[in-house]
Amino acid sequence: MNSSILIVDDDDAIRSTAEEFLELSGYSTISSSSGEEALGLLKYYQPDIVLTDISMHGMSGLELTRTIRTLYPTVEVIVMTGYIADHSYEEAVNAGASDFIFKPFRFEELNLRIKRVLREITLKKQHAEAIKKLEELAVTDGLTGLYNQRYFYQQLKAEIERCLRYKSPLSIILFDIDHFKKFNDTYGHLEGDNVLMAVAKIVGSCLRAMDSAYRYGGEEFTVILPETKLDQACIVGDRIRKSFSQETFNPMPVNGKTPVKESCTISLGVTQFKEEDTVITFVKRADQAMYQSKKSGRNRLTSLPGSSPHIPDPLQMTV
């Protein structure tokens, strides 16, 4: 896709000549005769570069540059001037311009300056993408693609604050895979990884857009359910439990010769936030509920009530 340039100049001859040259050089162009008109165009058309004269009727090029820098920070600006004594490179850069060129100029020189600014745009985009990727890696579990424990606590704190501010319900699910150590010992860690990835896929298919899932650590997982009461969270949790119990795996035992057919189960604890809770007491109650599920035979969901008094304590949903 061709790079796009908006040319802003109240001199019709310069504007049309620049537009013709830049089109021949392979750029996509649009032109405007004033700063005010240019700002109107920018509402609907976002070029890579704005090439603007400094001295124009009405809004000056420097005023236009400052406005663009405020409203459209990803658009770069190159300013032109025929008044060497009146304006300086420093003045243009302070206004937010990426480059500065004096009239009359050779169009070859202008093209070189445009190419330099476009290279800077590319580098900025690559840098932003690299930062975004690093940020994602910092909060994401590499195996499952789910968020990690660090991000879980960060998001849970934010959801608790929102819950308290708007008096809305908030629930969490904490669960782990039953007898996962035995599975790993029997079939090896690579086969165990397949089970962990299957959990992530199943959990993702059971959640709404506003919900979020996390690998809490090892074979433990958590789910944050905003705007969700305890009974509703139990329905979500049991949907995850049933879906996972129906999943089949074909691992090959360590030192074995043929794959076997296996299924796995999970034990879940669910709870709803109470006004007097801290992050720690909230998570601890979910952990206690999960422990009750394991103690009661595994492959089941146990809830401990939060602020919904009509929910029995504990509510157990079994196979």
Protein backbone atom coordinates (compact mmCIF):
# COMPACT_ATOMS: atom_id res chain seq x y z
CA MET A 1 0.00 0.00 0.00
CA ASN A 2 1.35 3.44 -1.01
CA SER A 3 2.29 5.89 1.72
CA SER A 4 -0.18 8.77 1.92
CA ILE A 5 0.57 12.49 2.11
CA LEU A 6 -1.70 15.48 2.75
CA ILE A 7 -0.31 18.64 1.12
CA VAL A 8 -1.38 21.91 2.75
CA ASP A 9 -0.47 25.17 0.96
CA ASP A 10 -2.46 28.26 -0.04
CA ASP A 11 -0.31 28.69 -3.17
CA ASP A 12 -2.19 26.79 -5.87
CA ALA A 13 0.86 26.41 -8.11
CA ILE A 14 3.11 24.95 -5.40
CA ARG A 15 0.33 22.70 -4.13
CA SER A 16 -0.51 21.25 -7.55
CA THR A 17 3.17 20.85 -8.55
CA ALA A 18 4.00 19.07 -5.29
CA GLU A 19 0.97 16.83 -5.67
CA GLU A 20 1.94 15.91 -9.24
CA PHE A 21 5.55 15.11 -8.30
CA LEU A 22 4.60 13.03 -5.27
CA GLU A 23 2.00 11.07 -7.25
CA LEU A 24 4.68 10.31 -9.88
CA SER A 25 7.00 9.22 -7.04
CA GLY A 26 4.50 6.58 -5.95
CA TYR A 27 2.72 8.33 -3.07
CA SER A 28 -1.01 8.64 -2.54
CA THR A 29 -1.84 12.33 -2.11
CA ILE A 30 -4.64 14.69 -1.20
CA SER A 31 -4.35 18.45 -0.93
CA SER A 32 -5.82 21.36 1.00
CA SER A 33 -5.51 25.14 0.64
CA SER A 34 -5.72 25.99 4.37
CA GLY A 35 -5.04 24.68 7.83
CA GLU A 36 -8.71 24.79 8.72
CA GLU A 37 -9.64 22.73 5.67
CA ALA A 38 -6.84 20.28 6.43
CA LEU A 39 -8.19 19.68 9.94
CA GLY A 40 -11.59 18.96 8.45
CA LEU A 41 -10.04 16.38 6.12
CA LEU A 42 -8.12 14.76 8.97
CA LYS A 43 -11.38 13.82 10.68
CA TYR A 44 -11.99 11.32 7.87
CA TYR A 45 -8.58 10.79 6.27
CA GLN A 46 -5.46 9.87 8.23
CA PRO A 47 -2.33 10.22 6.03
CA ASP A 48 1.13 9.07 7.02
CA ILE A 49 2.54 12.58 6.57
CA VAL A 50 1.18 16.13 6.40
CA LEU A 51 3.35 18.42 4.25
CA THR A 52 2.41 21.98 5.17
CA ASP A 53 3.56 25.50 4.43
CA ILE A 54 4.18 27.68 7.50
CA SER A 55 2.81 31.02 6.26
CA MET A 56 -0.78 30.68 5.11
CA HIS A 57 -3.94 32.74 5.35
CA GLY A 58 -5.81 31.96 8.55
CA MET A 59 -4.22 29.15 10.56
CA SER A 60 -0.44 29.02 10.19
CA GLY A 61 1.48 25.83 9.49
CA LEU A 62 2.93 25.85 12.99
CA GLU A 63 -0.54 26.14 14.53
CA LEU A 64 -1.68 23.29 12.30
CA THR A 65 1.34 21.21 13.36
CA ARG A 66 0.60 21.73 17.06
CA THR A 67 -3.04 20.77 16.56
CA ILE A 68 -2.15 17.65 14.59
CA ARG A 69 0.34 16.62 17.25
CA THR A 70 -2.41 16.91 19.89
CA LEU A 71 -5.30 15.34 17.98
CA TYR A 72 -3.52 12.89 15.67
CA PRO A 73 -0.23 11.86 17.32
CA THR A 74 0.49 9.10 14.79
CA VAL A 75 0.50 11.54 11.85
CA GLU A 76 3.93 13.04 11.09
CA VAL A 77 4.39 16.61 9.81
CA ILE A 78 6.96 18.18 7.50
CA VAL A 79 6.83 21.99 7.35
CA MET A 80 7.90 24.20 4.45
CA THR A 81 8.80 27.89 4.47
CA GLY A 82 10.17 30.50 2.09
CA TYR A 83 11.06 32.87 4.93
CA ILE A 84 14.45 31.74 6.20
CA ALA A 85 14.92 34.66 8.60
CA ASP A 86 11.45 34.35 10.15
CA HIS A 87 11.37 30.66 11.04
CA SER A 88 13.86 28.09 12.27
CA TYR A 89 14.19 24.32 12.39
CA GLU A 90 14.08 24.49 16.19
CA GLU A 91 10.77 26.38 16.08
CA ALA A 92 9.24 23.74 13.80
CA VAL A 93 10.47 20.81 15.89
CA ASN A 94 9.19 22.45 19.07
CA ALA A 95 5.76 22.67 17.42
CA GLY A 96 5.91 18.92 16.77
CA ALA A 97 7.21 18.73 13.19
CA SER A 98 9.35 15.78 12.09
CA ASP A 99 11.28 17.80 9.51
CA PHE A 100 11.69 21.27 8.05
CA ILE A 101 12.51 22.35 4.48
CA PHE A 102 13.13 25.77 2.92
CA LYS A 103 11.56 26.96 -0.33
CA PRO A 104 12.54 26.84 -3.10
CA PHE A 105 13.61 23.24 -2.80
CA ARG A 106 14.43 20.46 -5.22
CA PHE A 107 11.72 17.82 -5.24
CA GLU A 108 14.41 15.15 -5.02
CA GLU A 109 15.41 16.65 -1.65
CA LEU A 110 11.79 16.67 -0.51
CA ASN A 111 11.48 13.01 -1.52
CA LEU A 112 14.56 12.12 0.54
CA ARG A 113 13.11 13.88 3.59
CA ILE A 114 9.79 12.11 3.14
CA LYS A 115 11.53 8.74 2.90
CA ARG A 116 13.47 9.49 6.09
CA VAL A 117 10.27 10.34 7.97
CA LEU A 118 8.58 7.20 6.61
CA ARG A 119 11.49 5.12 7.90
CA GLU A 120 10.98 6.71 11.31
CA ILE A 121 7.28 5.85 11.15
CA THR A 122 8.15 2.22 10.39
CA LEU A 123 10.65 2.10 13.26
CA LYS A 124 8.09 3.59 15.65
CA LYS A 125 5.51 0.99 14.63
CA GLN A 126 8.02 -1.83 15.04
CA HIS A 127 9.02 -0.47 18.44
CA ALA A 128 5.38 -0.20 19.54
CA GLU A 129 4.70 -3.76 18.36
CA ALA A 130 7.77 -5.03 20.22
CA ILE A 131 6.67 -3.27 23.41
CA LYS A 132 3.16 -4.69 23.04
CA LYS A 133 4.56 -8.18 22.54
CA LEU A 134 6.77 -7.84 25.61
CA GLU A 135 3.80 -6.63 27.65
CA GLU A 136 1.76 -9.60 26.47
CA LEU A 137 4.59 -11.99 27.33
CA ALA A 138 4.84 -10.46 30.80
CA VAL A 139 1.20 -11.29 31.58
CA THR A 140 0.68 -14.43 29.50
CA ASP A 141 1.44 -18.08 30.19
CA GLY A 142 3.57 -19.34 27.32
CA LEU A 143 2.08 -22.84 27.19
CA THR A 144 -1.66 -22.25 27.44
CA GLY A 145 -1.93 -18.68 26.15
CA LEU A 146 -3.98 -17.78 29.22
CA TYR A 147 -3.06 -14.86 31.46
CA ASN A 148 -0.68 -15.66 34.31
CA GLN A 149 -1.01 -15.41 38.09
CA ARG A 150 0.62 -11.98 38.24
CA TYR A 151 -1.99 -10.56 35.87
CA PHE A 152 -4.77 -12.40 37.69
CA TYR A 153 -4.12 -10.45 40.89
CA GLN A 154 -3.79 -7.20 38.97
CA GLN A 155 -7.13 -7.70 37.22
CA LEU A 156 -8.87 -9.06 40.30
CA LYS A 157 -7.93 -5.94 42.25
CA ALA A 158 -9.35 -3.77 39.45
CA GLU A 159 -12.57 -5.80 39.30
CA ILE A 160 -12.99 -5.60 43.08
CA GLU A 161 -12.68 -1.81 42.94
CA ARG A 162 -15.28 -1.71 40.17
CA CYS A 163 -17.53 -4.08 42.10
CA LEU A 164 -17.42 -1.82 45.17
CA ARG A 165 -17.92 1.36 43.14
CA TYR A 166 -20.98 0.14 41.22
CA LYS A 167 -22.32 -2.35 43.79
CA SER A 168 -22.24 -5.09 41.18
CA PRO A 169 -21.68 -8.81 41.84
CA LEU A 170 -18.31 -10.44 41.24
CA SER A 171 -17.42 -14.14 41.40
CA ILE A 172 -14.33 -16.24 40.84
CA ILE A 173 -13.64 -19.89 40.07
CA LEU A 174 -10.51 -21.70 41.20
CA PHE A 175 -9.87 -25.23 39.98
CA ASP A 176 -7.17 -27.75 39.32
CA ILE A 177 -6.77 -31.01 37.43
CA ASP A 178 -7.37 -34.12 39.51
CA HIS A 179 -4.41 -36.52 39.92
CA PHE A 180 -2.34 -34.49 37.46
CA LYS A 181 0.97 -35.51 39.04
CA LYS A 182 0.08 -39.16 38.49
CA PHE A 183 -0.80 -38.40 34.87
CA ASN A 184 2.56 -36.66 34.36
CA ASP A 185 4.48 -39.48 36.04
CA THR A 186 2.72 -42.08 33.90
CA TYR A 187 2.77 -40.38 30.52
CA GLY A 188 5.42 -37.67 30.76
CA HIS A 189 5.33 -33.89 30.79
CA LEU A 190 4.69 -33.48 27.08
CA GLU A 191 1.44 -35.42 27.38
CA GLY A 192 0.66 -33.41 30.51
CA ASP A 193 1.14 -30.22 28.50
CA ASN A 194 -1.52 -31.43 26.07
CA VAL A 195 -3.95 -31.70 28.98
CA LEU A 196 -3.11 -28.18 30.18
CA MET A 197 -3.66 -26.78 26.70
CA ALA A 198 -6.98 -28.62 26.45
CA VAL A 199 -8.10 -27.00 29.71
CA ALA A 200 -7.30 -23.56 28.31
CA LYS A 201 -9.24 -24.23 25.12
CA ILE A 202 -12.30 -25.56 26.96
CA VAL A 203 -12.35 -22.73 29.50
CA GLY A 204 -12.15 -20.16 26.71
CA SER A 205 -15.14 -21.75 24.95
CA CYS A 206 -17.26 -21.54 28.13
CA LEU A 207 -16.74 -17.86 28.96
CA ARG A 208 -18.28 -14.57 27.90
CA ALA A 209 -16.26 -11.72 26.42
CA MET A 210 -16.17 -9.90 29.78
CA ASP A 211 -14.85 -12.98 31.65
CA SER A 212 -11.16 -13.84 31.84
CA ALA A 213 -9.20 -17.05 32.51
CA TYR A 214 -5.76 -17.49 34.06
CA ARG A 215 -3.24 -20.23 34.63
CA TYR A 216 -2.71 -19.75 38.35
CA GLY A 217 0.27 -22.08 38.49
CA GLY A 218 1.07 -25.71 37.66
CA GLU A 219 -2.27 -27.44 37.10
CA GLU A 220 -4.33 -24.72 38.83
CA PHE A 221 -6.52 -22.26 36.94
CA THR A 222 -8.72 -19.31 37.87
CA VAL A 223 -11.57 -17.47 36.22
CA ILE A 224 -12.84 -13.96 36.99
CA LEU A 225 -16.55 -13.45 36.35
CA PRO A 226 -17.63 -9.78 36.57
CA GLU A 227 -21.33 -8.95 36.93
CA THR A 228 -21.92 -12.54 38.06
CA LYS A 229 -23.68 -13.87 41.16
CA LEU A 230 -22.67 -17.09 42.87
CA ASP A 231 -25.41 -19.27 41.39
CA GLN A 232 -24.57 -18.04 37.88
CA ALA A 233 -20.87 -18.67 38.47
CA CYS A 234 -21.70 -22.23 39.55
CA ILE A 235 -23.44 -22.82 36.23
CA VAL A 236 -20.36 -21.60 34.35
CA GLY A 237 -18.05 -23.68 36.51
CA ASP A 238 -20.05 -26.85 36.07
CA ARG A 239 -20.18 -26.27 32.32
CA ILE A 240 -16.37 -26.20 32.34
CA ARG A 241 -16.24 -29.32 34.53
CA LYS A 242 -18.60 -31.33 32.31
CA SER A 243 -16.91 -30.24 29.07
CA PHE A 244 -13.47 -31.20 30.36
CA SER A 245 -14.60 -34.57 31.72
CA GLN A 246 -15.84 -35.45 28.21
CA GLU A 247 -12.46 -34.70 26.65
CA THR A 248 -10.40 -37.76 25.76
CA PHE A 249 -6.62 -38.03 25.42
CA ASN A 250 -4.46 -40.68 23.78
CA PRO A 251 -1.15 -40.50 25.64
CA MET A 252 1.64 -43.03 25.29
CA PRO A 253 2.84 -44.35 28.68
CA VAL A 254 6.48 -43.89 29.57
CA ASN A 255 8.29 -46.96 28.15
CA GLY A 256 5.01 -48.02 26.54
CA LYS A 257 4.49 -49.09 22.93
CA THR A 258 0.93 -48.07 22.19
CA PRO A 259 -1.19 -45.05 23.18
CA VAL A 260 -4.02 -45.51 25.65
CA LYS A 261 -7.31 -43.72 26.01
CA GLU A 262 -7.55 -41.45 29.03
CA SER A 263 -9.87 -38.82 30.43
CA CYS A 264 -9.22 -36.27 33.16
CA THR A 265 -11.38 -34.39 35.63
CA ILE A 266 -11.17 -31.15 37.56
CA SER A 267 -12.22 -30.03 41.04
CA LEU A 268 -13.61 -26.52 41.35
CA GLY A 269 -14.23 -23.95 44.06
CA VAL A 270 -16.52 -20.99 43.45
CA THR A 271 -17.24 -17.94 45.57
CA GLN A 272 -18.73 -14.47 45.34
CA PHE A 273 -17.09 -11.29 46.62
CA LYS A 274 -18.25 -9.87 49.95
CA GLU A 275 -17.90 -6.22 50.90
CA GLU A 276 -15.57 -6.99 53.77
CA ASP A 277 -13.30 -9.15 51.59
CA THR A 278 -9.72 -8.38 50.67
CA VAL A 279 -8.13 -9.86 47.58
CA ILE A 280 -6.51 -12.51 49.78
CA THR A 281 -9.65 -13.54 51.69
CA PHE A 282 -11.62 -13.66 48.43
CA VAL A 283 -9.13 -16.01 46.75
CA LYS A 284 -8.62 -18.02 49.93
CA ARG A 285 -12.35 -18.77 50.15
CA ALA A 286 -12.34 -20.06 46.57
CA ASP A 287 -9.34 -22.21 47.47
CA GLN A 288 -11.18 -23.60 50.51
CA ALA A 289 -14.16 -24.46 48.31
CA MET A 290 -11.88 -26.25 45.84
CA TYR A 291 -10.28 -28.19 48.70
CA GLN A 292 -13.77 -29.32 49.78
CA SER A 293 -14.41 -30.58 46.24
CA LYS A 294 -11.23 -32.66 46.38
CA LYS A 295 -12.02 -33.93 49.87
CA SER A 296 -15.51 -34.94 48.75
CA GLY A 297 -14.27 -37.14 45.92
CA ARG A 298 -13.06 -34.81 43.12
CA ASN A 299 -14.70 -34.10 39.76
CA ARG A 300 -17.18 -31.77 41.40
CA LEU A 301 -17.85 -28.12 42.17
CA THR A 302 -18.23 -26.67 45.65
CA SER A 303 -19.27 -23.08 46.32
CA LEU A 304 -18.88 -21.04 49.46
CA PRO A 305 -21.37 -18.16 49.59
CA GLY A 306 -20.39 -14.56 49.29
CA SER A 307 -23.10 -11.94 49.35
CA SER A 308 -25.92 -14.16 48.08
CA PRO A 309 -27.60 -15.53 51.26
CA HIS A 310 -30.06 -17.68 49.29
CA ILE A 311 -27.22 -19.94 48.08
CA PRO A 312 -26.75 -22.99 50.38
CA ASP A 313 -23.41 -23.43 52.12
CA PRO A 314 -21.84 -25.41 50.71
CA LEU A 315 -23.61 -26.04 47.39
CA GLN A 316 -22.19 -29.13 45.72
CA MET A 317 -22.79 -30.01 42.13
CA THR A 318 -21.66 -33.55 41.41
CA VAL A 319 -21.60 -35.80 38.39
